[in-house]
Amino acid sequence: MAQLICRDLALGYDGGAILEHLNFEVNAGEYLCILGENGSGKSTLMRTLLGLQPPLSGEIRTGDGLAHNEIGYLPQQTVVQRDFPASVWEIVLSGCQGGCGMRPFYTKEEKARAAEAMETLSITPLTKRCYRELSGGQQQRVLLARALCATRKLLLLDEPVAGLDPRVTQELYALIRKLHARGITIIMISHDLHAALEDADHILHIGSTVFFGTKADYLQSDCYRGFLKGGDAQ
């Protein structure tokens, strides 16, 4: 059953569209990778899916019982975010805020969910550490645990391995596979074509041409051949 449905979507800023007539849907338990050239609108699409900015036109619907506050999000990190002076526990637990409403405290169940997410991501020993003192790979695990606190259904990941060394990159990919194997739907923006083709079952390629379909169909598409020729594949 479809968890996320986009129909005739147009994306952009101040009335200027950077992407139009976008149609796709993601079923529960699927792994969708979003590919495209720089500036094609990948991060804009992610922000629009999250409701952080409105579409210029078209509609986004959720299904299969998914509420908007049940979507976990791992954004691209900025320099300021990497230097955030909070403990690992505080950052992970803040992922439960979407379910707090006006309540100014976390429940016992929410704290248990945060502890479970930290155990899943193997960062429990870092509980009392200051976030800004961690390595890049450790910080990404913390932010992924935070996103996991918000959902047991759907994770949106915006280039989660950007800036990480190859070993840490493979470790993070393995953790994402682990979450997907538990039944969590994954939507991930990536420049890593090889990882996308290894892990994803569906591909959304946006840019001057748009493709949405299975990985097998993507490998036979002009969009894939053009992407390779353009040199953006890693």
C-alpha atoms as a PDB file:
ATOM      1  CA  MET A   1       0.000   0.000   0.000  1.00  0.00           C
ATOM      2  CA  ALA A   2       1.282   3.470  -0.904  1.00  0.00           C
ATOM      3  CA  GLN A   3       2.658   5.505   2.012  1.00  0.00           C
ATOM      4  CA  LEU A   4       3.550   8.549  -0.074  1.00  0.00           C
ATOM      5  CA  ILE A   5       1.876   9.694  -3.304  1.00  0.00           C
ATOM      6  CA  CYS A   6       2.900  12.682  -5.454  1.00  0.00           C
ATOM      7  CA  ARG A   7       0.702  13.796  -8.319  1.00  0.00           C
ATOM      8  CA  ASP A   8       1.596  16.422 -10.961  1.00  0.00           C
ATOM      9  CA  LEU A   9       3.981  18.084  -8.527  1.00  0.00           C
ATOM     10  CA  ALA A  10       5.759  21.340  -9.399  1.00  0.00           C
ATOM     11  CA  LEU A  11       8.654  22.491  -7.216  1.00  0.00           C
ATOM     12  CA  GLY A  12      10.497  25.793  -6.988  1.00  0.00           C
ATOM     13  CA  TYR A  13      10.767  29.182  -5.326  1.00  0.00           C
ATOM     14  CA  ASP A  14       8.907  32.485  -5.704  1.00  0.00           C
ATOM     15  CA  GLY A  15       6.792  31.097  -8.476  1.00  0.00           C
ATOM     16  CA  GLY A  16       9.751  29.876 -10.520  1.00  0.00           C
ATOM     17  CA  ALA A  17       9.528  26.141 -11.170  1.00  0.00           C
ATOM     18  CA  ILE A  18      12.680  24.017 -11.213  1.00  0.00           C
ATOM     19  CA  LEU A  19      10.753  20.770 -11.653  1.00  0.00           C
ATOM     20  CA  GLU A  20       7.250  20.171 -13.019  1.00  0.00           C
ATOM     21  CA  HIS A  21       4.761  17.341 -13.639  1.00  0.00           C
ATOM     22  CA  LEU A  22       6.425  14.984 -11.164  1.00  0.00           C
ATOM     23  CA  ASN A  23       4.469  11.790 -10.440  1.00  0.00           C
ATOM     24  CA  PHE A  24       5.561   8.927  -8.220  1.00  0.00           C
ATOM     25  CA  GLU A  25       4.513   6.873  -5.224  1.00  0.00           C
ATOM     26  CA  VAL A  26       6.323   4.858  -2.579  1.00  0.00           C
ATOM     27  CA  ASN A  27       4.831   1.754  -1.004  1.00  0.00           C
ATOM     28  CA  ALA A  28       5.409   0.583   2.548  1.00  0.00           C
ATOM     29  CA  GLY A  29       8.730  -1.202   2.921  1.00  0.00           C
ATOM     30  CA  GLU A  30      10.258   0.029  -0.349  1.00  0.00           C
ATOM     31  CA  TYR A  31      13.683   1.615  -0.822  1.00  0.00           C
ATOM     32  CA  LEU A  32      13.643   4.590  -3.199  1.00  0.00           C
ATOM     33  CA  CYS A  33      16.825   6.371  -4.219  1.00  0.00           C
ATOM     34  CA  ILE A  34      16.578   9.888  -5.687  1.00  0.00           C
ATOM     35  CA  LEU A  35      19.308  10.685  -8.203  1.00  0.00           C
ATOM     36  CA  GLY A  36      20.051  13.711 -10.350  1.00  0.00           C
ATOM     37  CA  GLU A  37      22.553  16.330 -11.327  1.00  0.00           C
ATOM     38  CA  ASN A  38      23.499  19.149  -8.954  1.00  0.00           C
ATOM     39  CA  GLY A  39      20.778  21.781  -8.886  1.00  0.00           C
ATOM     40  CA  SER A  40      18.132  19.446 -10.273  1.00  0.00           C
ATOM     41  CA  GLY A  41      15.863  19.925  -7.234  1.00  0.00           C
ATOM     42  CA  LYS A  42      16.576  16.864  -5.109  1.00  0.00           C
ATOM     43  CA  SER A  43      16.825  18.674  -1.762  1.00  0.00           C
ATOM     44  CA  THR A  44      13.931  20.951  -2.733  1.00  0.00           C
ATOM     45  CA  LEU A  45      11.831  17.839  -3.311  1.00  0.00           C
ATOM     46  CA  MET A  46      12.834  16.486   0.106  1.00  0.00           C
ATOM     47  CA  ARG A  47      11.862  19.730   1.862  1.00  0.00           C
ATOM     48  CA  THR A  48       8.554  19.770   0.002  1.00  0.00           C
ATOM     49  CA  LEU A  49       7.781  16.184   0.999  1.00  0.00           C
ATOM     50  CA  LEU A  50       8.405  17.185   4.619  1.00  0.00           C
ATOM     51  CA  GLY A  51       6.089  20.183   4.389  1.00  0.00           C
ATOM     52  CA  LEU A  52       8.962  22.621   5.009  1.00  0.00           C
ATOM     53  CA  GLN A  53       7.992  24.467   1.830  1.00  0.00           C
ATOM     54  CA  PRO A  54       4.816  24.265  -0.250  1.00  0.00           C
ATOM     55  CA  PRO A  55       4.700  22.853  -3.777  1.00  0.00           C
ATOM     56  CA  LEU A  56       4.008  25.359  -6.532  1.00  0.00           C
ATOM     57  CA  SER A  57       1.235  23.056  -7.698  1.00  0.00           C
ATOM     58  CA  GLY A  58       0.118  19.450  -7.503  1.00  0.00           C
ATOM     59  CA  GLU A  59      -0.448  17.384  -4.396  1.00  0.00           C
ATOM     60  CA  ILE A  60       1.335  15.181  -1.885  1.00  0.00           C
ATOM     61  CA  ARG A  61      -0.713  12.581  -0.033  1.00  0.00           C
ATOM     62  CA  THR A  62       0.161  10.074   2.661  1.00  0.00           C
ATOM     63  CA  GLY A  63      -1.462   6.665   3.018  1.00  0.00           C
ATOM     64  CA  ASP A  64      -1.237   3.381   4.885  1.00  0.00           C
ATOM     65  CA  GLY A  65      -1.905   5.206   8.157  1.00  0.00           C
ATOM     66  CA  LEU A  66       1.199   7.411   7.851  1.00  0.00           C
ATOM     67  CA  ALA A  67       0.927  10.830   9.516  1.00  0.00           C
ATOM     68  CA  HIS A  68       3.243  13.722   8.608  1.00  0.00           C
ATOM     69  CA  ASN A  69       4.724  13.738  12.130  1.00  0.00           C
ATOM     70  CA  GLU A  70       5.688  10.071  11.688  1.00  0.00           C
ATOM     71  CA  ILE A  71       8.326  10.785   9.045  1.00  0.00           C
ATOM     72  CA  GLY A  72      11.938  10.650  10.204  1.00  0.00           C
ATOM     73  CA  TYR A  73      14.346  13.044   8.501  1.00  0.00           C
ATOM     74  CA  LEU A  74      18.140  13.081   8.255  1.00  0.00           C
ATOM     75  CA  PRO A  75      19.150  16.404   6.596  1.00  0.00           C
ATOM     76  CA  GLN A  76      22.460  17.423   5.136  1.00  0.00           C
ATOM     77  CA  GLN A  77      24.677  18.800   7.892  1.00  0.00           C
ATOM     78  CA  THR A  78      25.975  22.358   7.978  1.00  0.00           C
ATOM     79  CA  VAL A  79      29.128  23.538   9.749  1.00  0.00           C
ATOM     80  CA  VAL A  80      26.991  25.167  12.453  1.00  0.00           C
ATOM     81  CA  GLN A  81      25.058  21.938  13.082  1.00  0.00           C
ATOM     82  CA  ARG A  82      28.283  19.948  13.439  1.00  0.00           C
ATOM     83  CA  ASP A  83      29.341  22.283  16.258  1.00  0.00           C
ATOM     84  CA  PHE A  84      26.055  22.043  18.175  1.00  0.00           C
ATOM     85  CA  PRO A  85      26.809  22.045  21.973  1.00  0.00           C
ATOM     86  CA  ALA A  86      24.401  19.393  23.247  1.00  0.00           C
ATOM     87  CA  SER A  87      24.760  15.870  24.537  1.00  0.00           C
ATOM     88  CA  VAL A  88      24.136  12.858  22.330  1.00  0.00           C
ATOM     89  CA  TRP A  89      21.183  11.887  24.530  1.00  0.00           C
ATOM     90  CA  GLU A  90      19.577  15.334  24.188  1.00  0.00           C
ATOM     91  CA  ILE A  91      19.876  15.290  20.415  1.00  0.00           C
ATOM     92  CA  VAL A  92      18.522  11.759  19.976  1.00  0.00           C
ATOM     93  CA  LEU A  93      15.626  12.364  22.371  1.00  0.00           C
ATOM     94  CA  SER A  94      14.673  15.540  20.504  1.00  0.00           C
ATOM     95  CA  GLY A  95      13.552  13.282  17.664  1.00  0.00           C
ATOM     96  CA  CYS A  96      10.455  12.542  19.749  1.00  0.00           C
ATOM     97  CA  GLN A  97       9.322  16.186  19.728  1.00  0.00           C
ATOM     98  CA  GLY A  98       6.892  15.643  16.868  1.00  0.00           C
ATOM     99  CA  GLY A  99       4.701  13.534  19.143  1.00  0.00           C
ATOM    100  CA  CYS A 100       4.885  15.833  22.175  1.00  0.00           C
ATOM    101  CA  GLY A 101       2.416  18.464  21.019  1.00  0.00           C
ATOM    102  CA  MET A 102       2.178  21.130  23.740  1.00  0.00           C
ATOM    103  CA  ARG A 103       3.542  18.766  26.397  1.00  0.00           C
ATOM    104  CA  PRO A 104       6.816  20.241  27.819  1.00  0.00           C
ATOM    105  CA  PHE A 105       8.353  16.909  28.799  1.00  0.00           C
ATOM    106  CA  TYR A 106       9.191  13.488  27.382  1.00  0.00           C
ATOM    107  CA  THR A 107       7.296  10.423  28.497  1.00  0.00           C
ATOM    108  CA  LYS A 108       8.812   7.202  29.757  1.00  0.00           C
ATOM    109  CA  GLU A 109       7.867   5.567  26.444  1.00  0.00           C
ATOM    110  CA  GLU A 110       9.610   8.288  24.420  1.00  0.00           C
ATOM    111  CA  LYS A 111      12.775   7.947  26.488  1.00  0.00           C
ATOM    112  CA  ALA A 112      12.646   4.182  25.950  1.00  0.00           C
ATOM    113  CA  ARG A 113      12.292   4.754  22.196  1.00  0.00           C
ATOM    114  CA  ALA A 114      15.371   7.001  22.213  1.00  0.00           C
ATOM    115  CA  ALA A 115      17.366   4.411  24.130  1.00  0.00           C
ATOM    116  CA  GLU A 116      16.260   1.718  21.682  1.00  0.00           C
ATOM    117  CA  ALA A 117      17.283   3.863  18.696  1.00  0.00           C
ATOM    118  CA  MET A 118      20.715   4.426  20.222  1.00  0.00           C
ATOM    119  CA  GLU A 119      21.136   0.708  20.798  1.00  0.00           C
ATOM    120  CA  THR A 120      20.103  -0.017  17.202  1.00  0.00           C
ATOM    121  CA  LEU A 121      22.694   2.457  15.886  1.00  0.00           C
ATOM    122  CA  SER A 122      25.381   1.208  18.349  1.00  0.00           C
ATOM    123  CA  ILE A 123      25.896   4.606  19.985  1.00  0.00           C
ATOM    124  CA  THR A 124      24.758   3.860  23.547  1.00  0.00           C
ATOM    125  CA  PRO A 125      28.336   4.327  24.879  1.00  0.00           C
ATOM    126  CA  LEU A 126      28.223   7.889  23.523  1.00  0.00           C
ATOM    127  CA  THR A 127      25.137   8.873  25.560  1.00  0.00           C
ATOM    128  CA  LYS A 128      26.807  11.531  27.716  1.00  0.00           C
ATOM    129  CA  ARG A 129      29.297  12.759  25.101  1.00  0.00           C
ATOM    130  CA  CYS A 130      29.025  16.243  23.605  1.00  0.00           C
ATOM    131  CA  TYR A 131      27.832  16.037  20.014  1.00  0.00           C
ATOM    132  CA  ARG A 132      30.383  18.504  18.652  1.00  0.00           C
ATOM    133  CA  GLU A 133      33.255  16.366  19.993  1.00  0.00           C
ATOM    134  CA  LEU A 134      32.265  13.358  17.871  1.00  0.00           C
ATOM    135  CA  SER A 135      33.662  12.246  14.534  1.00  0.00           C
ATOM    136  CA  GLY A 136      31.640  12.824  11.374  1.00  0.00           C
ATOM    137  CA  GLY A 137      30.552   9.187  11.264  1.00  0.00           C
ATOM    138  CA  GLN A 138      29.480   9.221  14.902  1.00  0.00           C
ATOM    139  CA  GLN A 139      27.509  12.424  14.360  1.00  0.00           C
ATOM    140  CA  GLN A 140      25.633  10.840  11.449  1.00  0.00           C
ATOM    141  CA  ARG A 141      24.734   7.849  13.608  1.00  0.00           C
ATOM    142  CA  VAL A 142      23.391  10.223  16.259  1.00  0.00           C
ATOM    143  CA  LEU A 143      21.280  12.091  13.709  1.00  0.00           C
ATOM    144  CA  LEU A 144      20.019   8.837  12.225  1.00  0.00           C
ATOM    145  CA  ALA A 145      19.013   7.684  15.724  1.00  0.00           C
ATOM    146  CA  ARG A 146      17.219  11.012  16.164  1.00  0.00           C
ATOM    147  CA  ALA A 147      15.335  10.468  12.901  1.00  0.00           C
ATOM    148  CA  LEU A 148      14.482   6.938  13.998  1.00  0.00           C
ATOM    149  CA  CYS A 149      12.839   8.318  17.154  1.00  0.00           C
ATOM    150  CA  ALA A 150      10.301  10.074  14.952  1.00  0.00           C
ATOM    151  CA  THR A 151       9.172   7.008  13.018  1.00  0.00           C
ATOM    152  CA  ARG A 152       8.852   3.277  12.675  1.00  0.00           C
ATOM    153  CA  LYS A 153       7.529   3.710   9.136  1.00  0.00           C
ATOM    154  CA  LEU A 154       9.403   6.117   6.820  1.00  0.00           C
ATOM    155  CA  LEU A 155      12.886   7.681   6.788  1.00  0.00           C
ATOM    156  CA  LEU A 156      13.937  10.508   4.461  1.00  0.00           C
ATOM    157  CA  LEU A 157      17.730  10.724   4.114  1.00  0.00           C
ATOM    158  CA  ASP A 158      19.410  13.642   2.322  1.00  0.00           C
ATOM    159  CA  GLU A 159      22.883  12.503   1.210  1.00  0.00           C
ATOM    160  CA  PRO A 160      23.607  10.763   4.534  1.00  0.00           C
ATOM    161  CA  VAL A 161      27.201   9.795   3.672  1.00  0.00           C
ATOM    162  CA  ALA A 162      28.368  13.160   2.298  1.00  0.00           C
ATOM    163  CA  GLY A 163      31.868  13.958   3.556  1.00  0.00           C
ATOM    164  CA  LEU A 164      32.457  10.583   5.201  1.00  0.00           C
ATOM    165  CA  ASP A 165      35.461   8.395   4.465  1.00  0.00           C
ATOM    166  CA  PRO A 166      34.904   5.110   2.571  1.00  0.00           C
ATOM    167  CA  ARG A 167      34.979   2.851   5.632  1.00  0.00           C
ATOM    168  CA  VAL A 168      32.497   4.954   7.595  1.00  0.00           C
ATOM    169  CA  THR A 169      30.350   5.301   4.469  1.00  0.00           C
ATOM    170  CA  GLN A 170      30.013   1.531   4.166  1.00  0.00           C
ATOM    171  CA  GLU A 171      29.194   1.226   7.872  1.00  0.00           C
ATOM    172  CA  LEU A 172      26.401   3.792   7.550  1.00  0.00           C
ATOM    173  CA  TYR A 173      25.012   2.097   4.432  1.00  0.00           C
ATOM    174  CA  ALA A 174      24.952  -1.184   6.384  1.00  0.00           C
ATOM    175  CA  LEU A 175      22.946   0.470   9.169  1.00  0.00           C
ATOM    176  CA  ILE A 176      20.451   1.851   6.643  1.00  0.00           C
ATOM    177  CA  ARG A 177      20.079  -1.644   5.156  1.00  0.00           C
ATOM    178  CA  LYS A 178      19.445  -2.959   8.663  1.00  0.00           C
ATOM    179  CA  LEU A 179      16.640  -0.445   9.207  1.00  0.00           C
ATOM    180  CA  HIS A 180      15.144  -1.247   5.819  1.00  0.00           C
ATOM    181  CA  ALA A 181      15.231  -4.971   6.630  1.00  0.00           C
ATOM    182  CA  ARG A 182      13.121  -4.180   9.704  1.00  0.00           C
ATOM    183  CA  GLY A 183      10.364  -2.896   7.415  1.00  0.00           C
ATOM    184  CA  ILE A 184      11.104   0.843   7.442  1.00  0.00           C
ATOM    185  CA  THR A 185      10.536   2.580   4.110  1.00  0.00           C
ATOM    186  CA  ILE A 186      13.647   4.425   2.899  1.00  0.00           C
ATOM    187  CA  ILE A 187      13.749   7.462   0.604  1.00  0.00           C
ATOM    188  CA  MET A 188      17.341   8.586   0.101  1.00  0.00           C
ATOM    189  CA  ILE A 189      18.957  11.322  -1.967  1.00  0.00           C
ATOM    190  CA  SER A 190      22.353  10.204  -3.195  1.00  0.00           C
ATOM    191  CA  HIS A 191      25.155  11.025  -5.624  1.00  0.00           C
ATOM    192  CA  ASP A 192      26.481   7.491  -5.151  1.00  0.00           C
ATOM    193  CA  LEU A 193      25.084   5.689  -8.182  1.00  0.00           C
ATOM    194  CA  HIS A 194      26.717   2.373  -7.324  1.00  0.00           C
ATOM    195  CA  ALA A 195      25.230   2.296  -3.820  1.00  0.00           C
ATOM    196  CA  ALA A 196      21.834   3.270  -5.210  1.00  0.00           C
ATOM    197  CA  LEU A 197      21.878   0.411  -7.686  1.00  0.00           C
ATOM    198  CA  GLU A 198      22.992  -2.012  -4.998  1.00  0.00           C
ATOM    199  CA  ASP A 199      20.434  -1.147  -2.322  1.00  0.00           C
ATOM    200  CA  ALA A 200      17.384   0.557  -3.835  1.00  0.00           C
ATOM    201  CA  ASP A 201      14.496  -1.291  -5.462  1.00  0.00           C
ATOM    202  CA  HIS A 202      13.120   1.873  -7.129  1.00  0.00           C
ATOM    203  CA  ILE A 203      14.845   4.905  -8.656  1.00  0.00           C
ATOM    204  CA  LEU A 204      13.571   8.458  -9.079  1.00  0.00           C
ATOM    205  CA  HIS A 205      15.911  10.401 -11.370  1.00  0.00           C
ATOM    206  CA  ILE A 206      15.144  14.101 -11.747  1.00  0.00           C
ATOM    207  CA  GLY A 207      16.648  16.788 -13.920  1.00  0.00           C
ATOM    208  CA  SER A 208      16.277  17.699 -17.593  1.00  0.00           C
ATOM    209  CA  THR A 209      14.621  14.285 -17.955  1.00  0.00           C
ATOM    210  CA  VAL A 210      12.698  12.419 -15.281  1.00  0.00           C
ATOM    211  CA  PHE A 211      12.534   8.684 -14.617  1.00  0.00           C
ATOM    212  CA  PHE A 212      10.608   6.781 -12.000  1.00  0.00           C
ATOM    213  CA  GLY A 213      10.500   3.003 -11.893  1.00  0.00           C
ATOM    214  CA  THR A 214      12.241  -0.148 -10.825  1.00  0.00           C
ATOM    215  CA  LYS A 215      15.999  -0.465 -10.692  1.00  0.00           C
ATOM    216  CA  ALA A 216      15.904  -2.965 -13.545  1.00  0.00           C
ATOM    217  CA  ASP A 217      14.008  -0.553 -15.794  1.00  0.00           C
ATOM    218  CA  TYR A 218      16.323   2.308 -14.842  1.00  0.00           C
ATOM    219  CA  LEU A 219      19.354   0.343 -16.013  1.00  0.00           C
ATOM    220  CA  GLN A 220      17.743   0.136 -19.467  1.00  0.00           C
ATOM    221  CA  SER A 221      16.749   3.789 -19.615  1.00  0.00           C
ATOM    222  CA  ASP A 222      18.208   6.722 -21.549  1.00  0.00           C
ATOM    223  CA  CYS A 223      18.201   8.598 -18.247  1.00  0.00           C
ATOM    224  CA  TYR A 224      20.726   6.140 -16.780  1.00  0.00           C
ATOM    225  CA  ARG A 225      22.952   6.251 -19.849  1.00  0.00           C
ATOM    226  CA  GLY A 226      22.869  10.038 -19.846  1.00  0.00           C
ATOM    227  CA  PHE A 227      23.778  10.156 -16.156  1.00  0.00           C
ATOM    228  CA  LEU A 228      26.816   7.957 -16.787  1.00  0.00           C
ATOM    229  CA  LYS A 229      27.896  10.080 -19.737  1.00  0.00           C
ATOM    230  CA  GLY A 230      27.554  13.232 -17.669  1.00  0.00           C
ATOM    231  CA  GLY A 231      30.166  11.961 -15.227  1.00  0.00           C
ATOM    232  CA  ASP A 232      28.094  12.471 -12.058  1.00  0.00           C
ATOM    233  CA  ALA A 233      28.182   8.798 -11.101  1.00  0.00           C
ATOM    234  CA  GLN A 234      30.667   7.942  -8.405  1.00  0.00           C
END
